[in-house]
PDB file of all heavy atoms in Angstrom:
ATOM      1  N   GLY A   1       0.803  -1.223   0.000  1.00  0.00           N
ATOM      2  CA  GLY A   1       0.000   0.000   0.000  1.00  0.00           C
ATOM      3  C   GLY A   1       0.834   1.270   0.000  1.00  0.00           C
ATOM      4  O   GLY A   1       0.305   2.369  -0.176  1.00  0.00           O
ATOM      5  N   GLN A   2       2.146   1.163   0.181  1.00  0.00           N
ATOM      6  CA  GLN A   2       3.012   2.337   0.178  1.00  0.00           C
ATOM      7  C   GLN A   2       3.505   2.681  -1.225  1.00  0.00           C
ATOM      8  O   GLN A   2       4.193   3.698  -1.398  1.00  0.00           O
ATOM      9  CB  GLN A   2       4.212   2.095   1.111  1.00  0.00           C
ATOM     10  CG  GLN A   2       3.805   1.987   2.568  1.00  0.00           C
ATOM     11  CD  GLN A   2       4.937   1.501   3.435  1.00  0.00           C
ATOM     12  OE1 GLN A   2       5.454   0.411   3.216  1.00  0.00           O
ATOM     13  NE2 GLN A   2       5.325   2.318   4.417  1.00  0.00           N
ATOM     14  N   ALA A   3       3.171   1.855  -2.198  1.00  0.00           N
ATOM     15  CA  ALA A   3       3.543   2.176  -3.580  1.00  0.00           C
ATOM     16  C   ALA A   3       2.670   3.313  -4.104  1.00  0.00           C
ATOM     17  O   ALA A   3       1.478   3.402  -3.787  1.00  0.00           O
ATOM     18  CB  ALA A   3       3.413   0.936  -4.450  1.00  0.00           C
ATOM     19  N   GLY A   4       3.257   4.233  -4.878  1.00  0.00           N
ATOM     20  CA  GLY A   4       2.505   5.349  -5.425  1.00  0.00           C
ATOM     21  C   GLY A   4       3.429   6.501  -5.794  1.00  0.00           C
ATOM     22  O   GLY A   4       4.644   6.327  -5.951  1.00  0.00           O
ATOM     23  N   SER A   5       2.852   7.696  -5.896  1.00  0.00           N
ATOM     24  CA  SER A   5       3.596   8.893  -6.328  1.00  0.00           C
ATOM     25  C   SER A   5       3.970   9.739  -5.109  1.00  0.00           C
ATOM     26  O   SER A   5       3.116  10.088  -4.292  1.00  0.00           O
ATOM     27  CB  SER A   5       2.739   9.725  -7.287  1.00  0.00           C
ATOM     28  OG  SER A   5       3.410  10.900  -7.641  1.00  0.00           O
ATOM     29  N   TYR A   6       5.273  10.060  -5.006  1.00  0.00           N
ATOM     30  CA  TYR A   6       5.785  10.897  -3.931  1.00  0.00           C
ATOM     31  C   TYR A   6       6.330  12.196  -4.541  1.00  0.00           C
ATOM     32  O   TYR A   6       7.072  12.166  -5.534  1.00  0.00           O
ATOM     33  CB  TYR A   6       6.892  10.177  -3.150  1.00  0.00           C
ATOM     34  CG  TYR A   6       6.378   9.026  -2.329  1.00  0.00           C
ATOM     35  CD1 TYR A   6       6.176   7.764  -2.905  1.00  0.00           C
ATOM     36  CD2 TYR A   6       6.067   9.186  -0.985  1.00  0.00           C
ATOM     37  CE1 TYR A   6       5.689   6.707  -2.151  1.00  0.00           C
ATOM     38  CE2 TYR A   6       5.585   8.133  -0.218  1.00  0.00           C
ATOM     39  CZ  TYR A   6       5.399   6.907  -0.806  1.00  0.00           C
ATOM     40  OH  TYR A   6       4.917   5.870  -0.063  1.00  0.00           O
ATOM     41  N   SER A   7       5.955  13.339  -3.972  1.00  0.00           N
ATOM     42  CA  SER A   7       6.440  14.643  -4.434  1.00  0.00           C
ATOM     43  C   SER A   7       6.672  15.532  -3.222  1.00  0.00           C
ATOM     44  O   SER A   7       6.273  15.187  -2.105  1.00  0.00           O
ATOM     45  CB  SER A   7       5.432  15.291  -5.386  1.00  0.00           C
ATOM     46  OG  SER A   7       4.187  15.497  -4.731  1.00  0.00           O
ATOM     47  N   VAL A   8       7.344  16.716  -3.461  1.00  0.00           N
ATOM     48  CA  VAL A   8       7.640  17.616  -2.367  1.00  0.00           C
ATOM     49  C   VAL A   8       7.316  19.038  -2.790  1.00  0.00           C
ATOM     50  O   VAL A   8       7.523  19.431  -3.950  1.00  0.00           O
ATOM     51  CB  VAL A   8       9.109  17.483  -1.927  1.00  0.00           C
ATOM     52  CG1 VAL A   8      10.062  17.880  -3.049  1.00  0.00           C
ATOM     53  CG2 VAL A   8       9.387  18.319  -0.677  1.00  0.00           C
ATOM     54  N   LEU A   9       6.747  19.804  -1.895  1.00  0.00           N
ATOM     55  CA  LEU A   9       6.490  21.236  -2.111  1.00  0.00           C
ATOM     56  C   LEU A   9       7.569  22.020  -1.389  1.00  0.00           C
ATOM     57  O   LEU A   9       7.826  21.794  -0.201  1.00  0.00           O
ATOM     58  CB  LEU A   9       5.115  21.620  -1.573  1.00  0.00           C
ATOM     59  CG  LEU A   9       3.890  20.885  -2.189  1.00  0.00           C
ATOM     60  CD1 LEU A   9       2.615  21.316  -1.479  1.00  0.00           C
ATOM     61  CD2 LEU A   9       3.782  21.171  -3.681  1.00  0.00           C
ATOM     62  N   VAL A  10       8.219  22.958  -2.136  1.00  0.00           N
ATOM     63  CA  VAL A  10       9.279  23.793  -1.559  1.00  0.00           C
ATOM     64  C   VAL A  10       8.869  25.259  -1.694  1.00  0.00           C
ATOM     65  O   VAL A  10       8.448  25.712  -2.765  1.00  0.00           O
ATOM     66  CB  VAL A  10      10.630  23.546  -2.250  1.00  0.00           C
ATOM     67  CG1 VAL A  10      11.736  24.356  -1.563  1.00  0.00           C
ATOM     68  CG2 VAL A  10      10.972  22.057  -2.261  1.00  0.00           C
ATOM     69  N   SER A  11       8.984  25.999  -0.610  1.00  0.00           N
ATOM     70  CA  SER A  11       8.609  27.425  -0.631  1.00  0.00           C
ATOM     71  C   SER A  11       9.545  28.212   0.265  1.00  0.00           C
ATOM     72  O   SER A  11      10.270  27.638   1.080  1.00  0.00           O
ATOM     73  CB  SER A  11       7.154  27.608  -0.183  1.00  0.00           C
ATOM     74  OG  SER A  11       7.002  27.204   1.164  1.00  0.00           O
ATOM     75  N   ASN A  12       9.537  29.591   0.057  1.00  0.00           N
ATOM     76  CA  ASN A  12      10.272  30.486   0.956  1.00  0.00           C
ATOM     77  C   ASN A  12       9.516  31.796   1.047  1.00  0.00           C
ATOM     78  O   ASN A  12       8.377  31.906   0.549  1.00  0.00           O
ATOM     79  CB  ASN A  12      11.713  30.675   0.489  1.00  0.00           C
ATOM     80  CG  ASN A  12      11.802  31.309  -0.891  1.00  0.00           C
ATOM     81  OD1 ASN A  12      10.782  31.669  -1.477  1.00  0.00           O
ATOM     82  ND2 ASN A  12      13.019  31.455  -1.418  1.00  0.00           N
ATOM     83  N   ALA A  13      10.137  32.813   1.654  1.00  0.00           N
ATOM     84  CA  ALA A  13       9.448  34.099   1.857  1.00  0.00           C
ATOM     85  C   ALA A  13       9.120  34.767   0.551  1.00  0.00           C
ATOM     86  O   ALA A  13       8.136  35.502   0.433  1.00  0.00           O
ATOM     87  CB  ALA A  13      10.311  35.000   2.732  1.00  0.00           C
ATOM     88  N   ALA A  14       9.976  34.546  -0.454  1.00  0.00           N
ATOM     89  CA  ALA A  14       9.735  35.200  -1.742  1.00  0.00           C
ATOM     90  C   ALA A  14       8.424  34.738  -2.330  1.00  0.00           C
ATOM     91  O   ALA A  14       7.698  35.504  -2.968  1.00  0.00           O
ATOM     92  CB  ALA A  14      10.890  34.904  -2.687  1.00  0.00           C
ATOM     93  N   CYS A  15       8.151  33.493  -2.156  1.00  0.00           N
ATOM     94  CA  CYS A  15       6.889  32.979  -2.692  1.00  0.00           C
ATOM     95  C   CYS A  15       5.709  33.686  -2.045  1.00  0.00           C
ATOM     96  O   CYS A  15       4.722  34.048  -2.683  1.00  0.00           O
ATOM     97  CB  CYS A  15       6.786  31.482  -2.459  1.00  0.00           C
ATOM     98  SG  CYS A  15       8.025  30.507  -3.336  1.00  0.00           S
ATOM     99  N   ALA A  16       5.839  33.938  -0.722  1.00  0.00           N
ATOM    100  CA  ALA A  16       4.742  34.600  -0.017  1.00  0.00           C
ATOM    101  C   ALA A  16       4.619  36.055  -0.449  1.00  0.00           C
ATOM    102  O   ALA A  16       3.514  36.572  -0.654  1.00  0.00           O
ATOM    103  CB  ALA A  16       4.977  34.502   1.478  1.00  0.00           C
ATOM    104  N   LEU A  17       5.793  36.753  -0.585  1.00  0.00           N
ATOM    105  CA  LEU A  17       5.738  38.160  -0.992  1.00  0.00           C
ATOM    106  C   LEU A  17       5.208  38.302  -2.398  1.00  0.00           C
ATOM    107  O   LEU A  17       4.524  39.259  -2.726  1.00  0.00           O
ATOM    108  CB  LEU A  17       7.122  38.792  -0.870  1.00  0.00           C
ATOM    109  CG  LEU A  17       7.645  38.941   0.578  1.00  0.00           C
ATOM    110  CD1 LEU A  17       9.082  39.440   0.555  1.00  0.00           C
ATOM    111  CD2 LEU A  17       6.763  39.901   1.362  1.00  0.00           C
ATOM    112  N   ALA A  18       5.572  37.304  -3.240  1.00  0.00           N
ATOM    113  CA  ALA A  18       5.133  37.387  -4.631  1.00  0.00           C
ATOM    114  C   ALA A  18       3.708  36.899  -4.803  1.00  0.00           C
ATOM    115  O   ALA A  18       3.132  37.002  -5.890  1.00  0.00           O
ATOM    116  CB  ALA A  18       6.068  36.569  -5.518  1.00  0.00           C
ATOM    117  N   GLY A  19       3.161  36.371  -3.735  1.00  0.00           N
ATOM    118  CA  GLY A  19       1.782  35.892  -3.843  1.00  0.00           C
ATOM    119  C   GLY A  19       1.647  34.661  -4.694  1.00  0.00           C
ATOM    120  O   GLY A  19       0.611  34.455  -5.317  1.00  0.00           O
ATOM    121  N   VAL A  20       2.723  33.856  -4.742  1.00  0.00           N
ATOM    122  CA  VAL A  20       2.668  32.616  -5.527  1.00  0.00           C
ATOM    123  C   VAL A  20       2.819  31.441  -4.583  1.00  0.00           C
ATOM    124  O   VAL A  20       3.362  31.555  -3.478  1.00  0.00           O
ATOM    125  CB  VAL A  20       3.773  32.593  -6.607  1.00  0.00           C
ATOM    126  CG1 VAL A  20       3.562  33.707  -7.614  1.00  0.00           C
ATOM    127  CG2 VAL A  20       5.147  32.681  -5.983  1.00  0.00           C
ATOM    128  N   GLY A  21       2.357  30.257  -5.018  1.00  0.00           N
ATOM    129  CA  GLY A  21       2.436  29.055  -4.198  1.00  0.00           C
ATOM    130  C   GLY A  21       3.828  28.453  -4.221  1.00  0.00           C
ATOM    131  O   GLY A  21       4.708  28.905  -4.961  1.00  0.00           O
ATOM    132  N   PRO A  22       4.012  27.425  -3.408  1.00  0.00           N
ATOM    133  CA  PRO A  22       5.319  26.770  -3.367  1.00  0.00           C
ATOM    134  C   PRO A  22       5.599  26.051  -4.676  1.00  0.00           C
ATOM    135  O   PRO A  22       4.697  25.716  -5.440  1.00  0.00           O
ATOM    136  CB  PRO A  22       5.191  25.786  -2.213  1.00  0.00           C
ATOM    137  CG  PRO A  22       3.734  25.500  -2.109  1.00  0.00           C
ATOM    138  CD  PRO A  22       3.043  26.791  -2.503  1.00  0.00           C
ATOM    139  N   GLU A  23       6.869  25.803  -4.891  1.00  0.00           N
ATOM    140  CA  GLU A  23       7.295  25.066  -6.068  1.00  0.00           C
ATOM    141  C   GLU A  23       7.153  23.581  -5.772  1.00  0.00           C
ATOM    142  O   GLU A  23       7.548  23.098  -4.698  1.00  0.00           O
ATOM    143  CB  GLU A  23       8.757  25.400  -6.385  1.00  0.00           C
ATOM    144  CG  GLU A  23       9.225  24.913  -7.741  1.00  0.00           C
ATOM    145  CD  GLU A  23       8.665  25.750  -8.887  1.00  0.00           C
ATOM    146  OE1 GLU A  23       8.198  26.876  -8.639  1.00  0.00           O
ATOM    147  OE2 GLU A  23       8.670  25.256 -10.001  1.00  0.00           O
ATOM    148  N   GLU A  24       6.586  22.803  -6.663  1.00  0.00           N
ATOM    149  CA  GLU A  24       6.359  21.368  -6.457  1.00  0.00           C
ATOM    150  C   GLU A  24       7.234  20.575  -7.391  1.00  0.00           C
ATOM    151  O   GLU A  24       7.319  20.862  -8.583  1.00  0.00           O
ATOM    152  CB  GLU A  24       4.897  20.993  -6.687  1.00  0.00           C
ATOM    153  CG  GLU A  24       4.612  19.510  -6.449  1.00  0.00           C
ATOM    154  CD  GLU A  24       3.138  19.173  -6.614  1.00  0.00           C
ATOM    155  OE1 GLU A  24       2.350  20.067  -6.945  1.00  0.00           O
ATOM    156  OE2 GLU A  24       2.790  17.988  -6.409  1.00  0.00           O
ATOM    157  N   SER A  25       7.872  19.571  -6.794  1.00  0.00           N
ATOM    158  CA  SER A  25       8.700  18.687  -7.607  1.00  0.00           C
ATOM    159  C   SER A  25       7.807  17.766  -8.423  1.00  0.00           C
ATOM    160  O   SER A  25       6.620  17.585  -8.120  1.00  0.00           O
ATOM    161  CB  SER A  25       9.617  17.861  -6.718  1.00  0.00           C
ATOM    162  OG  SER A  25       8.840  16.931  -5.991  1.00  0.00           O
ATOM    163  N   LEU A  26       8.429  17.199  -9.434  1.00  0.00           N
ATOM    164  CA  LEU A  26       7.702  16.190 -10.187  1.00  0.00           C
ATOM    165  C   LEU A  26       7.512  14.942  -9.319  1.00  0.00           C
ATOM    166  O   LEU A  26       8.340  14.635  -8.457  1.00  0.00           O
ATOM    167  CB  LEU A  26       8.450  15.830 -11.467  1.00  0.00           C
ATOM    168  CG  LEU A  26       8.567  16.957 -12.505  1.00  0.00           C
ATOM    169  CD1 LEU A  26       9.393  16.486 -13.688  1.00  0.00           C
ATOM    170  CD2 LEU A  26       7.191  17.427 -12.953  1.00  0.00           C
ATOM    171  N   GLY A  27       6.429  14.178  -9.497  1.00  0.00           N
ATOM    172  CA  GLY A  27       6.165  12.992  -8.681  1.00  0.00           C
ATOM    173  C   GLY A  27       7.155  11.869  -8.960  1.00  0.00           C
ATOM    174  O   GLY A  27       7.549  11.645 -10.113  1.00  0.00           O
TER     175      GLY A  27
END
């Protein structure tokens, strides 16, 4: 049941100031 797609969201203050969401890696 642990098989599947794993990805990560990366963000910093710039993303918040720019009003954009975090950057997401490919699965």
